[in-house]
Amino acid sequence: MKHKGIWTIAEAEDGRIKEVSYELLTRGKRLSKKLGCELTSILLSNNISEEQAEELILRGADKVYLANAPELEHFIVENYSNVLIELIKKYKPAIILSAATTSGRALMPHVAIRMHAGLTADCTELDIEEDSNDLLQTRPAIGGNILATIKTPEHRPQMATVRPRSTRPAQVDYSRQGKGEIINYQYNQQLFDGRVERIAFRNDAEEDNIQDAEIVVAGGKGLKKKENFDLLNELAGRLNGVIGASREAIDRDWLSYPHQIGLSGKTVTPKLYIAAGISGAIQHLAGMKTAETIIAINQDPEAAIFKVADFGIVGDLFEIIPEINELLEREGVK
């Protein structure tokens, strides 16, 4: 049986499908259109109904394999890997995409090693090579200073994890209602590895998760020193946003690494992104260009950040940011 088709690995938590699942469908739809093949979503969880799984169809999947089991309620890599490998051996997909989340980063290497397949992690771009139909997997390398494009010509399936928030989620298309197929997969109960069980879960994430924020106020080298981030902290506080930074600001120890945006940091897709004193290196743009609205403040009218900005302000941020804060205060925004 020849390997064919594209799979995306959907994720669920607390009985709900996670948004990153729909981001993968955006990627999968583009690739399946180029290959002229079927797009399938795999959902391993518990207590996910067919009605919930139908949203994967409405957002682009042609088929959904749904496996519900108490053993899949929480992510345990051995259980997920065993079920996924059984599916792969039976249906032989050509390409498998997962999000580069905590679970995706654990599951995909586990599967790739056991299947003797190639895997590229943390991809920011995906494409299909015209002559070979190989998957072209682009990811940052050498600390984010270059982009490397990798392919796996000899082994199948081709596997990649995709950086979350690097593309917009696929939208619901109600014209697709009833046009896909949801298959309740009848797994082998012996697949579940009883040697591992979840005892407890502790969330060590920082209080402000920059990737979930709707408003991000980011600063760069143009702020000149750490103390000047107080201006941005005030603005972010008034807007109920969070603080981000370019790599140069992080390298200068003005903020901690979890605030870094770009190829070697986080990718964000907020409703509003304000960039102050950021020139717009390609590494930074890759981490924020999918924001809905981008406002850039920079003294250099030729700064690259203005090429992706919806609104650009050419001027001194040390004059402009205080004026914005004063205006918001006059309007009663505290």
C-alpha atoms as a PDB file:
ATOM      1  CA  MET A   1       0.000   0.000   0.000  1.00  0.00           C
ATOM      2  CA  LYS A   2       1.444   3.353  -1.065  1.00  0.00           C
ATOM      3  CA  HIS A   3       1.691   6.146   1.490  1.00  0.00           C
ATOM      4  CA  LYS A   4      -0.767   8.912   0.680  1.00  0.00           C
ATOM      5  CA  GLY A   5      -2.724  11.680   2.320  1.00  0.00           C
ATOM      6  CA  ILE A   6      -1.996  14.294   4.969  1.00  0.00           C
ATOM      7  CA  TRP A   7      -2.786  13.902   8.666  1.00  0.00           C
ATOM      8  CA  THR A   8      -2.971  16.577  11.317  1.00  0.00           C
ATOM      9  CA  ILE A   9      -2.892  15.673  15.007  1.00  0.00           C
ATOM     10  CA  ALA A  10      -5.692  17.528  16.784  1.00  0.00           C
ATOM     11  CA  GLU A  11      -5.422  18.245  20.498  1.00  0.00           C
ATOM     12  CA  ALA A  12      -8.104  18.382  23.157  1.00  0.00           C
ATOM     13  CA  GLU A  13      -8.132  19.402  26.794  1.00  0.00           C
ATOM     14  CA  ASP A  14     -10.910  19.241  29.382  1.00  0.00           C
ATOM     15  CA  GLY A  15     -13.348  17.944  26.781  1.00  0.00           C
ATOM     16  CA  ARG A  16     -12.686  20.733  24.258  1.00  0.00           C
ATOM     17  CA  ILE A  17     -10.728  20.789  21.013  1.00  0.00           C
ATOM     18  CA  LYS A  18      -7.826  23.225  21.246  1.00  0.00           C
ATOM     19  CA  GLU A  19      -7.428  26.123  18.822  1.00  0.00           C
ATOM     20  CA  VAL A  20      -4.036  24.905  17.640  1.00  0.00           C
ATOM     21  CA  SER A  21      -5.852  21.987  15.979  1.00  0.00           C
ATOM     22  CA  TYR A  22      -7.472  24.436  13.574  1.00  0.00           C
ATOM     23  CA  GLU A  23      -4.151  26.161  12.862  1.00  0.00           C
ATOM     24  CA  LEU A  24      -2.833  22.813  11.640  1.00  0.00           C
ATOM     25  CA  LEU A  25      -5.839  22.474   9.329  1.00  0.00           C
ATOM     26  CA  THR A  26      -4.865  25.777   7.680  1.00  0.00           C
ATOM     27  CA  ARG A  27      -1.456  24.272   6.933  1.00  0.00           C
ATOM     28  CA  GLY A  28      -2.924  20.939   5.924  1.00  0.00           C
ATOM     29  CA  LYS A  29      -5.437  22.432   3.496  1.00  0.00           C
ATOM     30  CA  ARG A  30      -2.729  24.292   1.579  1.00  0.00           C
ATOM     31  CA  LEU A  31      -0.601  21.177   1.266  1.00  0.00           C
ATOM     32  CA  SER A  32      -3.456  18.813   0.395  1.00  0.00           C
ATOM     33  CA  LYS A  33      -4.580  21.195  -2.344  1.00  0.00           C
ATOM     34  CA  LYS A  34      -1.102  21.072  -3.883  1.00  0.00           C
ATOM     35  CA  LEU A  35      -0.965  17.285  -3.673  1.00  0.00           C
ATOM     36  CA  GLY A  36      -4.600  16.731  -4.600  1.00  0.00           C
ATOM     37  CA  CYS A  37      -5.022  14.384  -1.651  1.00  0.00           C
ATOM     38  CA  GLU A  38      -7.267  13.799   1.343  1.00  0.00           C
ATOM     39  CA  LEU A  39      -6.801  15.733   4.586  1.00  0.00           C
ATOM     40  CA  THR A  40      -7.406  13.732   7.761  1.00  0.00           C
ATOM     41  CA  SER A  41      -7.432  14.847  11.379  1.00  0.00           C
ATOM     42  CA  ILE A  42      -6.565  12.439  14.210  1.00  0.00           C
ATOM     43  CA  LEU A  43      -8.096  13.156  17.606  1.00  0.00           C
ATOM     44  CA  LEU A  44      -7.052  11.066  20.603  1.00  0.00           C
ATOM     45  CA  SER A  45      -8.874  12.076  23.766  1.00  0.00           C
ATOM     46  CA  ASN A  46     -11.823  11.178  25.958  1.00  0.00           C
ATOM     47  CA  ASN A  47     -15.427  12.367  26.025  1.00  0.00           C
ATOM     48  CA  ILE A  48     -15.186  14.204  22.692  1.00  0.00           C
ATOM     49  CA  SER A  49     -18.485  13.855  20.851  1.00  0.00           C
ATOM     50  CA  GLU A  50     -18.995  13.450  17.124  1.00  0.00           C
ATOM     51  CA  GLU A  51     -20.690  16.859  17.166  1.00  0.00           C
ATOM     52  CA  GLN A  52     -17.502  18.409  18.530  1.00  0.00           C
ATOM     53  CA  ALA A  53     -15.365  16.491  16.050  1.00  0.00           C
ATOM     54  CA  GLU A  54     -17.587  17.797  13.237  1.00  0.00           C
ATOM     55  CA  GLU A  55     -15.947  21.198  13.668  1.00  0.00           C
ATOM     56  CA  LEU A  56     -12.723  19.703  12.303  1.00  0.00           C
ATOM     57  CA  ILE A  57     -14.694  18.812   9.151  1.00  0.00           C
ATOM     58  CA  LEU A  58     -16.203  22.293   8.941  1.00  0.00           C
ATOM     59  CA  ARG A  59     -12.714  23.769   9.147  1.00  0.00           C
ATOM     60  CA  GLY A  60     -11.232  21.672   6.368  1.00  0.00           C
ATOM     61  CA  ALA A  61     -10.691  18.018   7.303  1.00  0.00           C
ATOM     62  CA  ASP A  62     -12.111  15.450   4.887  1.00  0.00           C
ATOM     63  CA  LYS A  63     -11.994  12.700   7.496  1.00  0.00           C
ATOM     64  CA  VAL A  64     -11.590  12.484  11.268  1.00  0.00           C
ATOM     65  CA  TYR A  65     -10.398   9.433  13.204  1.00  0.00           C
ATOM     66  CA  LEU A  66     -11.806   9.862  16.704  1.00  0.00           C
ATOM     67  CA  ALA A  67     -10.483   7.665  19.511  1.00  0.00           C
ATOM     68  CA  ASN A  68     -12.108   8.157  22.912  1.00  0.00           C
ATOM     69  CA  ALA A  69     -10.759   6.281  25.911  1.00  0.00           C
ATOM     70  CA  PRO A  70     -10.262   6.954  29.628  1.00  0.00           C
ATOM     71  CA  GLU A  71      -6.579   6.134  29.048  1.00  0.00           C
ATOM     72  CA  LEU A  72      -6.434   9.059  26.558  1.00  0.00           C
ATOM     73  CA  GLU A  73      -8.052  11.583  28.896  1.00  0.00           C
ATOM     74  CA  HIS A  74      -4.620  12.974  29.766  1.00  0.00           C
ATOM     75  CA  PHE A  75      -1.547  13.000  27.574  1.00  0.00           C
ATOM     76  CA  ILE A  76       0.657   9.990  28.289  1.00  0.00           C
ATOM     77  CA  VAL A  77       3.100   9.607  25.442  1.00  0.00           C
ATOM     78  CA  GLU A  78       3.211   5.798  25.487  1.00  0.00           C
ATOM     79  CA  ASN A  79      -0.579   5.509  25.121  1.00  0.00           C
ATOM     80  CA  TYR A  80      -0.856   8.166  22.423  1.00  0.00           C
ATOM     81  CA  SER A  81       2.126   6.786  20.530  1.00  0.00           C
ATOM     82  CA  ASN A  82       0.776   3.217  20.539  1.00  0.00           C
ATOM     83  CA  VAL A  83      -2.615   4.249  19.149  1.00  0.00           C
ATOM     84  CA  LEU A  84      -1.135   6.600  16.550  1.00  0.00           C
ATOM     85  CA  ILE A  85       1.349   3.990  15.330  1.00  0.00           C
ATOM     86  CA  GLU A  86      -1.454   1.435  14.917  1.00  0.00           C
ATOM     87  CA  LEU A  87      -3.313   3.992  12.774  1.00  0.00           C
ATOM     88  CA  ILE A  88      -0.183   4.783  10.726  1.00  0.00           C
ATOM     89  CA  LYS A  89       0.549   1.122  10.029  1.00  0.00           C
ATOM     90  CA  LYS A  90      -3.028   0.522   8.952  1.00  0.00           C
ATOM     91  CA  TYR A  91      -3.659   3.602   6.774  1.00  0.00           C
ATOM     92  CA  LYS A  92      -0.128   4.739   5.761  1.00  0.00           C
ATOM     93  CA  PRO A  93      -0.254   8.556   5.553  1.00  0.00           C
ATOM     94  CA  ALA A  94       2.428  10.367   3.533  1.00  0.00           C
ATOM     95  CA  ILE A  95       2.628  13.401   5.842  1.00  0.00           C
ATOM     96  CA  ILE A  96       1.811  13.903   9.532  1.00  0.00           C
ATOM     97  CA  LEU A  97       1.686  17.373  11.107  1.00  0.00           C
ATOM     98  CA  SER A  98       1.481  18.127  14.808  1.00  0.00           C
ATOM     99  CA  ALA A  99       1.717  21.359  16.758  1.00  0.00           C
ATOM    100  CA  ALA A 100       5.021  22.063  18.496  1.00  0.00           C
ATOM    101  CA  THR A 101       3.228  22.098  21.846  1.00  0.00           C
ATOM    102  CA  THR A 102       4.388  20.264  24.943  1.00  0.00           C
ATOM    103  CA  SER A 103       2.494  17.144  23.896  1.00  0.00           C
ATOM    104  CA  GLY A 104       3.386  17.437  20.202  1.00  0.00           C
ATOM    105  CA  ARG A 105       7.082  17.793  20.996  1.00  0.00           C
ATOM    106  CA  ALA A 106       6.908  14.585  23.041  1.00  0.00           C
ATOM    107  CA  LEU A 107       4.629  12.496  20.817  1.00  0.00           C
ATOM    108  CA  MET A 108       6.165  13.065  17.388  1.00  0.00           C
ATOM    109  CA  PRO A 109       9.775  12.079  18.245  1.00  0.00           C
ATOM    110  CA  HIS A 110       8.458   9.012  20.069  1.00  0.00           C
ATOM    111  CA  VAL A 111       6.528   7.960  16.954  1.00  0.00           C
ATOM    112  CA  ALA A 112       9.279   8.952  14.483  1.00  0.00           C
ATOM    113  CA  ILE A 113      11.894   6.778  16.188  1.00  0.00           C
ATOM    114  CA  ARG A 114       9.614   3.757  16.314  1.00  0.00           C
ATOM    115  CA  MET A 115       8.546   4.196  12.670  1.00  0.00           C
ATOM    116  CA  HIS A 116      12.073   5.006  11.408  1.00  0.00           C
ATOM    117  CA  ALA A 117      10.653   8.220   9.939  1.00  0.00           C
ATOM    118  CA  GLY A 118      12.143  11.669   9.502  1.00  0.00           C
ATOM    119  CA  LEU A 119      10.981  14.507  11.746  1.00  0.00           C
ATOM    120  CA  THR A 120      11.587  18.250  11.576  1.00  0.00           C
ATOM    121  CA  ALA A 121      10.709  20.206  14.717  1.00  0.00           C
ATOM    122  CA  ASP A 122       9.317  23.702  15.215  1.00  0.00           C
ATOM    123  CA  CYS A 123       8.611  24.492  11.551  1.00  0.00           C
ATOM    124  CA  THR A 124       7.490  27.978  10.594  1.00  0.00           C
ATOM    125  CA  GLU A 125       6.809  27.261   6.903  1.00  0.00           C
ATOM    126  CA  LEU A 126       5.712  24.174   4.967  1.00  0.00           C
ATOM    127  CA  ASP A 127       5.492  23.572   1.237  1.00  0.00           C
ATOM    128  CA  ILE A 128       5.515  20.798  -1.364  1.00  0.00           C
ATOM    129  CA  GLU A 129       8.442  20.305  -3.762  1.00  0.00           C
ATOM    130  CA  GLU A 130       7.003  20.262  -7.274  1.00  0.00           C
ATOM    131  CA  ASP A 131       8.987  17.442  -8.889  1.00  0.00           C
ATOM    132  CA  SER A 132       9.202  15.002  -5.984  1.00  0.00           C
ATOM    133  CA  ASN A 133       6.085  15.913  -3.947  1.00  0.00           C
ATOM    134  CA  ASP A 134       8.346  15.839  -0.883  1.00  0.00           C
ATOM    135  CA  LEU A 135       7.367  17.967   2.083  1.00  0.00           C
ATOM    136  CA  LEU A 136       9.604  21.049   2.408  1.00  0.00           C
ATOM    137  CA  GLN A 137       9.971  21.841   6.098  1.00  0.00           C
ATOM    138  CA  THR A 138      11.421  25.229   7.022  1.00  0.00           C
ATOM    139  CA  ARG A 139      12.591  25.980  10.545  1.00  0.00           C
ATOM    140  CA  PRO A 140      14.949  28.407  12.305  1.00  0.00           C
ATOM    141  CA  ALA A 141      18.510  27.212  12.868  1.00  0.00           C
ATOM    142  CA  ILE A 142      21.714  28.477  14.497  1.00  0.00           C
ATOM    143  CA  GLY A 143      19.856  30.380  17.181  1.00  0.00           C
ATOM    144  CA  GLY A 144      17.308  31.768  14.749  1.00  0.00           C
ATOM    145  CA  ASN A 145      19.919  33.466  12.582  1.00  0.00           C
ATOM    146  CA  ILE A 146      19.100  31.429   9.480  1.00  0.00           C
ATOM    147  CA  LEU A 147      16.184  29.433   8.091  1.00  0.00           C
ATOM    148  CA  ALA A 148      16.878  25.847   7.056  1.00  0.00           C
ATOM    149  CA  THR A 149      14.628  23.924   4.658  1.00  0.00           C
ATOM    150  CA  ILE A 150      14.640  20.160   5.234  1.00  0.00           C
ATOM    151  CA  LYS A 151      13.057  17.269   3.366  1.00  0.00           C
ATOM    152  CA  THR A 152      12.773  13.521   3.899  1.00  0.00           C
ATOM    153  CA  PRO A 153      12.981  11.875   0.470  1.00  0.00           C
ATOM    154  CA  GLU A 154      13.639   8.282   1.558  1.00  0.00           C
ATOM    155  CA  HIS A 155      11.235   7.578   4.419  1.00  0.00           C
ATOM    156  CA  ARG A 156       7.484   7.784   5.032  1.00  0.00           C
ATOM    157  CA  PRO A 157       5.596   9.191   6.726  1.00  0.00           C
ATOM    158  CA  GLN A 158       7.188  12.623   6.584  1.00  0.00           C
ATOM    159  CA  MET A 159       6.664  14.211   9.993  1.00  0.00           C
ATOM    160  CA  ALA A 160       6.857  17.789  11.265  1.00  0.00           C
ATOM    161  CA  THR A 161       5.860  19.795  14.295  1.00  0.00           C
ATOM    162  CA  VAL A 162       4.615  23.296  13.513  1.00  0.00           C
ATOM    163  CA  ARG A 163       5.154  26.331  15.688  1.00  0.00           C
ATOM    164  CA  PRO A 164       1.867  27.363  17.360  1.00  0.00           C
ATOM    165  CA  ARG A 165       0.461  30.767  16.344  1.00  0.00           C
ATOM    166  CA  SER A 166       2.534  30.796  13.146  1.00  0.00           C
ATOM    167  CA  THR A 167      -0.646  30.818  11.065  1.00  0.00           C
ATOM    168  CA  ARG A 168      -4.300  31.682  11.583  1.00  0.00           C
ATOM    169  CA  PRO A 169      -6.824  28.963  12.471  1.00  0.00           C
ATOM    170  CA  ALA A 170      -8.931  27.655   9.595  1.00  0.00           C
ATOM    171  CA  GLN A 171     -12.362  29.274   9.601  1.00  0.00           C
ATOM    172  CA  VAL A 172     -15.653  27.407   9.918  1.00  0.00           C
ATOM    173  CA  ASP A 173     -17.278  26.737   6.535  1.00  0.00           C
ATOM    174  CA  TYR A 174     -20.864  25.550   7.019  1.00  0.00           C
ATOM    175  CA  SER A 175     -21.088  24.551   3.362  1.00  0.00           C
ATOM    176  CA  ARG A 176     -18.891  21.573   4.333  1.00  0.00           C
ATOM    177  CA  GLN A 177     -21.537  20.235   6.724  1.00  0.00           C
ATOM    178  CA  GLY A 178     -22.115  16.545   6.030  1.00  0.00           C
ATOM    179  CA  LYS A 179     -19.283  16.400   3.487  1.00  0.00           C
ATOM    180  CA  GLY A 180     -16.720  14.755   5.742  1.00  0.00           C
ATOM    181  CA  GLU A 181     -16.516  11.445   7.538  1.00  0.00           C
ATOM    182  CA  ILE A 182     -16.049  10.892  11.271  1.00  0.00           C
ATOM    183  CA  ILE A 183     -14.793   7.431  12.178  1.00  0.00           C
ATOM    184  CA  ASN A 184     -14.957   6.232  15.777  1.00  0.00           C
ATOM    185  CA  TYR A 185     -11.748   4.276  15.780  1.00  0.00           C
ATOM    186  CA  GLN A 186     -11.944   0.868  17.446  1.00  0.00           C
ATOM    187  CA  TYR A 187      -8.530   0.620  19.048  1.00  0.00           C
ATOM    188  CA  ASN A 188      -6.979  -2.429  20.606  1.00  0.00           C
ATOM    189  CA  GLN A 189      -7.282  -2.147  24.395  1.00  0.00           C
ATOM    190  CA  GLN A 190      -3.869  -3.811  24.752  1.00  0.00           C
ATOM    191  CA  LEU A 191      -2.289  -0.679  23.261  1.00  0.00           C
ATOM    192  CA  PHE A 192      -2.500   1.130  26.569  1.00  0.00           C
ATOM    193  CA  ASP A 193       0.680   0.997  28.611  1.00  0.00           C
ATOM    194  CA  GLY A 194      -0.297   0.462  32.222  1.00  0.00           C
ATOM    195  CA  ARG A 195       3.258   1.103  33.438  1.00  0.00           C
ATOM    196  CA  VAL A 196       2.693   4.871  33.251  1.00  0.00           C
ATOM    197  CA  GLU A 197      -0.092   6.812  34.928  1.00  0.00           C
ATOM    198  CA  ARG A 198      -0.757  10.461  35.631  1.00  0.00           C
ATOM    199  CA  ILE A 199      -0.533  11.264  39.323  1.00  0.00           C
ATOM    200  CA  ALA A 200      -0.893  15.050  39.289  1.00  0.00           C
ATOM    201  CA  PHE A 201      -0.350  18.107  37.119  1.00  0.00           C
ATOM    202  CA  ARG A 202       1.522  21.248  38.080  1.00  0.00           C
ATOM    203  CA  ASN A 203       1.447  24.293  35.839  1.00  0.00           C
ATOM    204  CA  ASP A 204       4.773  26.122  35.913  1.00  0.00           C
ATOM    205  CA  ALA A 205       3.827  28.604  33.175  1.00  0.00           C
ATOM    206  CA  GLU A 206       4.294  32.295  33.907  1.00  0.00           C
ATOM    207  CA  GLU A 207       1.209  34.245  34.933  1.00  0.00           C
ATOM    208  CA  ASP A 208       1.169  36.206  31.664  1.00  0.00           C
ATOM    209  CA  ASN A 209       1.216  33.844  28.708  1.00  0.00           C
ATOM    210  CA  ILE A 210       2.290  36.041  25.833  1.00  0.00           C
ATOM    211  CA  GLN A 211       0.962  33.615  23.223  1.00  0.00           C
ATOM    212  CA  ASP A 212      -2.579  33.816  24.614  1.00  0.00           C
ATOM    213  CA  ALA A 213      -2.639  37.620  24.941  1.00  0.00           C
ATOM    214  CA  GLU A 214      -4.980  39.679  22.761  1.00  0.00           C
ATOM    215  CA  ILE A 215      -2.793  42.777  23.122  1.00  0.00           C
ATOM    216  CA  VAL A 216       1.020  42.766  23.087  1.00  0.00           C
ATOM    217  CA  VAL A 217       3.189  45.845  23.607  1.00  0.00           C
ATOM    218  CA  ALA A 218       6.741  45.020  22.519  1.00  0.00           C
ATOM    219  CA  GLY A 219       9.982  46.932  22.851  1.00  0.00           C
ATOM    220  CA  GLY A 220      13.349  46.644  21.201  1.00  0.00           C
ATOM    221  CA  LYS A 221      16.833  48.085  21.130  1.00  0.00           C
ATOM    222  CA  GLY A 222      15.390  51.564  20.614  1.00  0.00           C
ATOM    223  CA  LEU A 223      14.336  51.667  24.276  1.00  0.00           C
ATOM    224  CA  LYS A 224      18.045  52.090  25.094  1.00  0.00           C
ATOM    225  CA  LYS A 225      17.915  50.656  28.622  1.00  0.00           C
ATOM    226  CA  LYS A 226      15.962  48.324  30.871  1.00  0.00           C
ATOM    227  CA  GLU A 227      14.329  51.058  32.933  1.00  0.00           C
ATOM    228  CA  ASN A 228      12.631  52.525  29.876  1.00  0.00           C
ATOM    229  CA  PHE A 229      10.412  49.458  29.624  1.00  0.00           C
ATOM    230  CA  ASP A 230       8.414  51.141  32.402  1.00  0.00           C
ATOM    231  CA  LEU A 231       6.814  53.241  29.642  1.00  0.00           C
ATOM    232  CA  LEU A 232       5.632  50.104  27.881  1.00  0.00           C
ATOM    233  CA  ASN A 233       4.548  48.475  31.138  1.00  0.00           C
ATOM    234  CA  GLU A 234       2.297  51.445  31.780  1.00  0.00           C
ATOM    235  CA  LEU A 235       0.822  51.294  28.276  1.00  0.00           C
ATOM    236  CA  ALA A 236       0.307  47.527  28.436  1.00  0.00           C
ATOM    237  CA  GLY A 237      -1.351  47.882  31.826  1.00  0.00           C
ATOM    238  CA  ARG A 238      -3.817  50.467  30.519  1.00  0.00           C
ATOM    239  CA  LEU A 239      -4.689  48.251  27.549  1.00  0.00           C
ATOM    240  CA  ASN A 240      -4.872  44.994  29.559  1.00  0.00           C
ATOM    241  CA  GLY A 241      -2.003  43.700  27.444  1.00  0.00           C
ATOM    242  CA  VAL A 242       1.305  41.975  28.097  1.00  0.00           C
ATOM    243  CA  ILE A 243       4.901  42.932  27.409  1.00  0.00           C
ATOM    244  CA  GLY A 244       6.985  41.455  24.618  1.00  0.00           C
ATOM    245  CA  ALA A 245      10.487  42.152  23.354  1.00  0.00           C
ATOM    246  CA  SER A 246      12.825  41.660  20.446  1.00  0.00           C
ATOM    247  CA  ARG A 247      15.803  39.343  20.739  1.00  0.00           C
ATOM    248  CA  GLU A 248      18.177  42.298  21.100  1.00  0.00           C
ATOM    249  CA  ALA A 249      16.292  43.500  24.168  1.00  0.00           C
ATOM    250  CA  ILE A 250      16.402  40.013  25.678  1.00  0.00           C
ATOM    251  CA  ASP A 251      20.118  39.622  24.916  1.00  0.00           C
ATOM    252  CA  ARG A 252      20.701  42.855  26.831  1.00  0.00           C
ATOM    253  CA  ASP A 253      18.880  41.294  29.809  1.00  0.00           C
ATOM    254  CA  TRP A 254      16.174  43.951  29.783  1.00  0.00           C
ATOM    255  CA  LEU A 255      13.471  41.258  29.998  1.00  0.00           C
ATOM    256  CA  SER A 256      13.444  37.495  30.551  1.00  0.00           C
ATOM    257  CA  TYR A 257      13.345  34.979  27.691  1.00  0.00           C
ATOM    258  CA  PRO A 258       9.597  34.108  27.966  1.00  0.00           C
ATOM    259  CA  HIS A 259       8.906  37.627  26.623  1.00  0.00           C
ATOM    260  CA  GLN A 260      10.978  37.128  23.460  1.00  0.00           C
ATOM    261  CA  ILE A 261       9.097  37.254  20.166  1.00  0.00           C
ATOM    262  CA  GLY A 262      10.567  35.910  16.940  1.00  0.00           C
ATOM    263  CA  LEU A 263      12.094  32.816  15.393  1.00  0.00           C
ATOM    264  CA  SER A 264      14.154  32.047  18.488  1.00  0.00           C
ATOM    265  CA  GLY A 265      11.341  33.076  20.835  1.00  0.00           C
ATOM    266  CA  LYS A 266       7.545  32.937  20.791  1.00  0.00           C
ATOM    267  CA  THR A 267       5.143  33.394  17.889  1.00  0.00           C
ATOM    268  CA  VAL A 268       2.130  35.570  18.724  1.00  0.00           C
ATOM    269  CA  THR A 269      -1.121  36.401  16.927  1.00  0.00           C
ATOM    270  CA  PRO A 270      -2.798  39.057  19.086  1.00  0.00           C
ATOM    271  CA  LYS A 271      -5.591  41.350  17.984  1.00  0.00           C
ATOM    272  CA  LEU A 272      -3.244  44.312  18.557  1.00  0.00           C
ATOM    273  CA  TYR A 273       0.561  44.383  18.413  1.00  0.00           C
ATOM    274  CA  ILE A 274       2.405  47.598  19.286  1.00  0.00           C
ATOM    275  CA  ALA A 275       6.104  47.616  18.371  1.00  0.00           C
ATOM    276  CA  ALA A 276       8.165  50.419  19.913  1.00  0.00           C
ATOM    277  CA  GLY A 277      11.815  50.841  19.013  1.00  0.00           C
ATOM    278  CA  ILE A 278      11.895  47.615  17.004  1.00  0.00           C
ATOM    279  CA  SER A 279      13.557  47.867  13.595  1.00  0.00           C
ATOM    280  CA  GLY A 280      11.930  44.736  12.189  1.00  0.00           C
ATOM    281  CA  ALA A 281      14.595  42.102  11.582  1.00  0.00           C
ATOM    282  CA  ILE A 282      13.216  39.142   9.648  1.00  0.00           C
ATOM    283  CA  GLN A 283      13.618  36.925  12.710  1.00  0.00           C
ATOM    284  CA  HIS A 284      11.306  39.218  14.701  1.00  0.00           C
ATOM    285  CA  LEU A 285       8.762  39.702  11.916  1.00  0.00           C
ATOM    286  CA  ALA A 286       8.313  35.935  11.632  1.00  0.00           C
ATOM    287  CA  GLY A 287       7.061  35.894  15.219  1.00  0.00           C
ATOM    288  CA  MET A 288       4.409  38.628  14.990  1.00  0.00           C
ATOM    289  CA  LYS A 289       3.416  39.353  11.379  1.00  0.00           C
ATOM    290  CA  THR A 290       0.164  37.379  11.739  1.00  0.00           C
ATOM    291  CA  ALA A 291      -1.200  39.828  14.354  1.00  0.00           C
ATOM    292  CA  GLU A 292      -4.554  41.309  13.317  1.00  0.00           C
ATOM    293  CA  THR A 293      -3.458  44.937  13.725  1.00  0.00           C
ATOM    294  CA  ILE A 294       0.154  46.117  13.974  1.00  0.00           C
ATOM    295  CA  ILE A 295       1.181  49.587  15.127  1.00  0.00           C
ATOM    296  CA  ALA A 296       4.869  50.443  14.753  1.00  0.00           C
ATOM    297  CA  ILE A 297       6.716  53.351  16.362  1.00  0.00           C
ATOM    298  CA  ASN A 298      10.229  54.045  15.088  1.00  0.00           C
ATOM    299  CA  GLN A 299      12.425  57.029  14.287  1.00  0.00           C
ATOM    300  CA  ASP A 300      13.667  55.485  11.052  1.00  0.00           C
ATOM    301  CA  PRO A 301      11.098  55.874   8.244  1.00  0.00           C
ATOM    302  CA  GLU A 302      12.865  53.055   6.345  1.00  0.00           C
ATOM    303  CA  ALA A 303      12.619  50.558   9.225  1.00  0.00           C
ATOM    304  CA  ALA A 304      11.483  47.133   8.025  1.00  0.00           C
ATOM    305  CA  ILE A 305       8.800  46.993  10.721  1.00  0.00           C
ATOM    306  CA  PHE A 306       6.750  49.508   8.707  1.00  0.00           C
ATOM    307  CA  LYS A 307       6.442  47.007   5.835  1.00  0.00           C
ATOM    308  CA  VAL A 308       4.170  44.782   7.929  1.00  0.00           C
ATOM    309  CA  ALA A 309       2.539  47.527  10.034  1.00  0.00           C
ATOM    310  CA  ASP A 310      -1.069  48.588   9.541  1.00  0.00           C
ATOM    311  CA  PHE A 311      -0.275  51.937  11.179  1.00  0.00           C
ATOM    312  CA  GLY A 312       3.174  53.494  11.386  1.00  0.00           C
ATOM    313  CA  ILE A 313       4.322  56.397  13.532  1.00  0.00           C
ATOM    314  CA  VAL A 314       7.683  57.905  12.595  1.00  0.00           C
ATOM    315  CA  GLY A 315       9.021  59.668  15.644  1.00  0.00           C
ATOM    316  CA  ASP A 316      10.663  59.483  19.051  1.00  0.00           C
ATOM    317  CA  LEU A 317       9.064  56.762  21.153  1.00  0.00           C
ATOM    318  CA  PHE A 318      10.094  58.648  24.314  1.00  0.00           C
ATOM    319  CA  GLU A 319       7.725  61.420  23.251  1.00  0.00           C
ATOM    320  CA  ILE A 320       5.013  59.322  21.625  1.00  0.00           C
ATOM    321  CA  ILE A 321       4.467  56.632  24.291  1.00  0.00           C
ATOM    322  CA  PRO A 322       4.036  59.166  27.159  1.00  0.00           C
ATOM    323  CA  GLU A 323       1.554  61.090  24.990  1.00  0.00           C
ATOM    324  CA  ILE A 324      -0.443  57.920  24.370  1.00  0.00           C
ATOM    325  CA  ASN A 325      -0.420  57.115  28.099  1.00  0.00           C
ATOM    326  CA  GLU A 326      -1.569  60.654  28.943  1.00  0.00           C
ATOM    327  CA  LEU A 327      -4.336  60.481  26.341  1.00  0.00           C
ATOM    328  CA  LEU A 328      -5.569  57.172  27.718  1.00  0.00           C
ATOM    329  CA  GLU A 329      -5.503  58.583  31.236  1.00  0.00           C
ATOM    330  CA  ARG A 330      -7.590  61.600  30.130  1.00  0.00           C
ATOM    331  CA  GLU A 331     -10.061  59.185  28.606  1.00  0.00           C
ATOM    332  CA  GLY A 332     -10.307  57.375  31.916  1.00  0.00           C
ATOM    333  CA  VAL A 333      -8.355  54.290  30.842  1.00  0.00           C
ATOM    334  CA  LYS A 334      -6.423  53.198  33.924  1.00  0.00           C
END
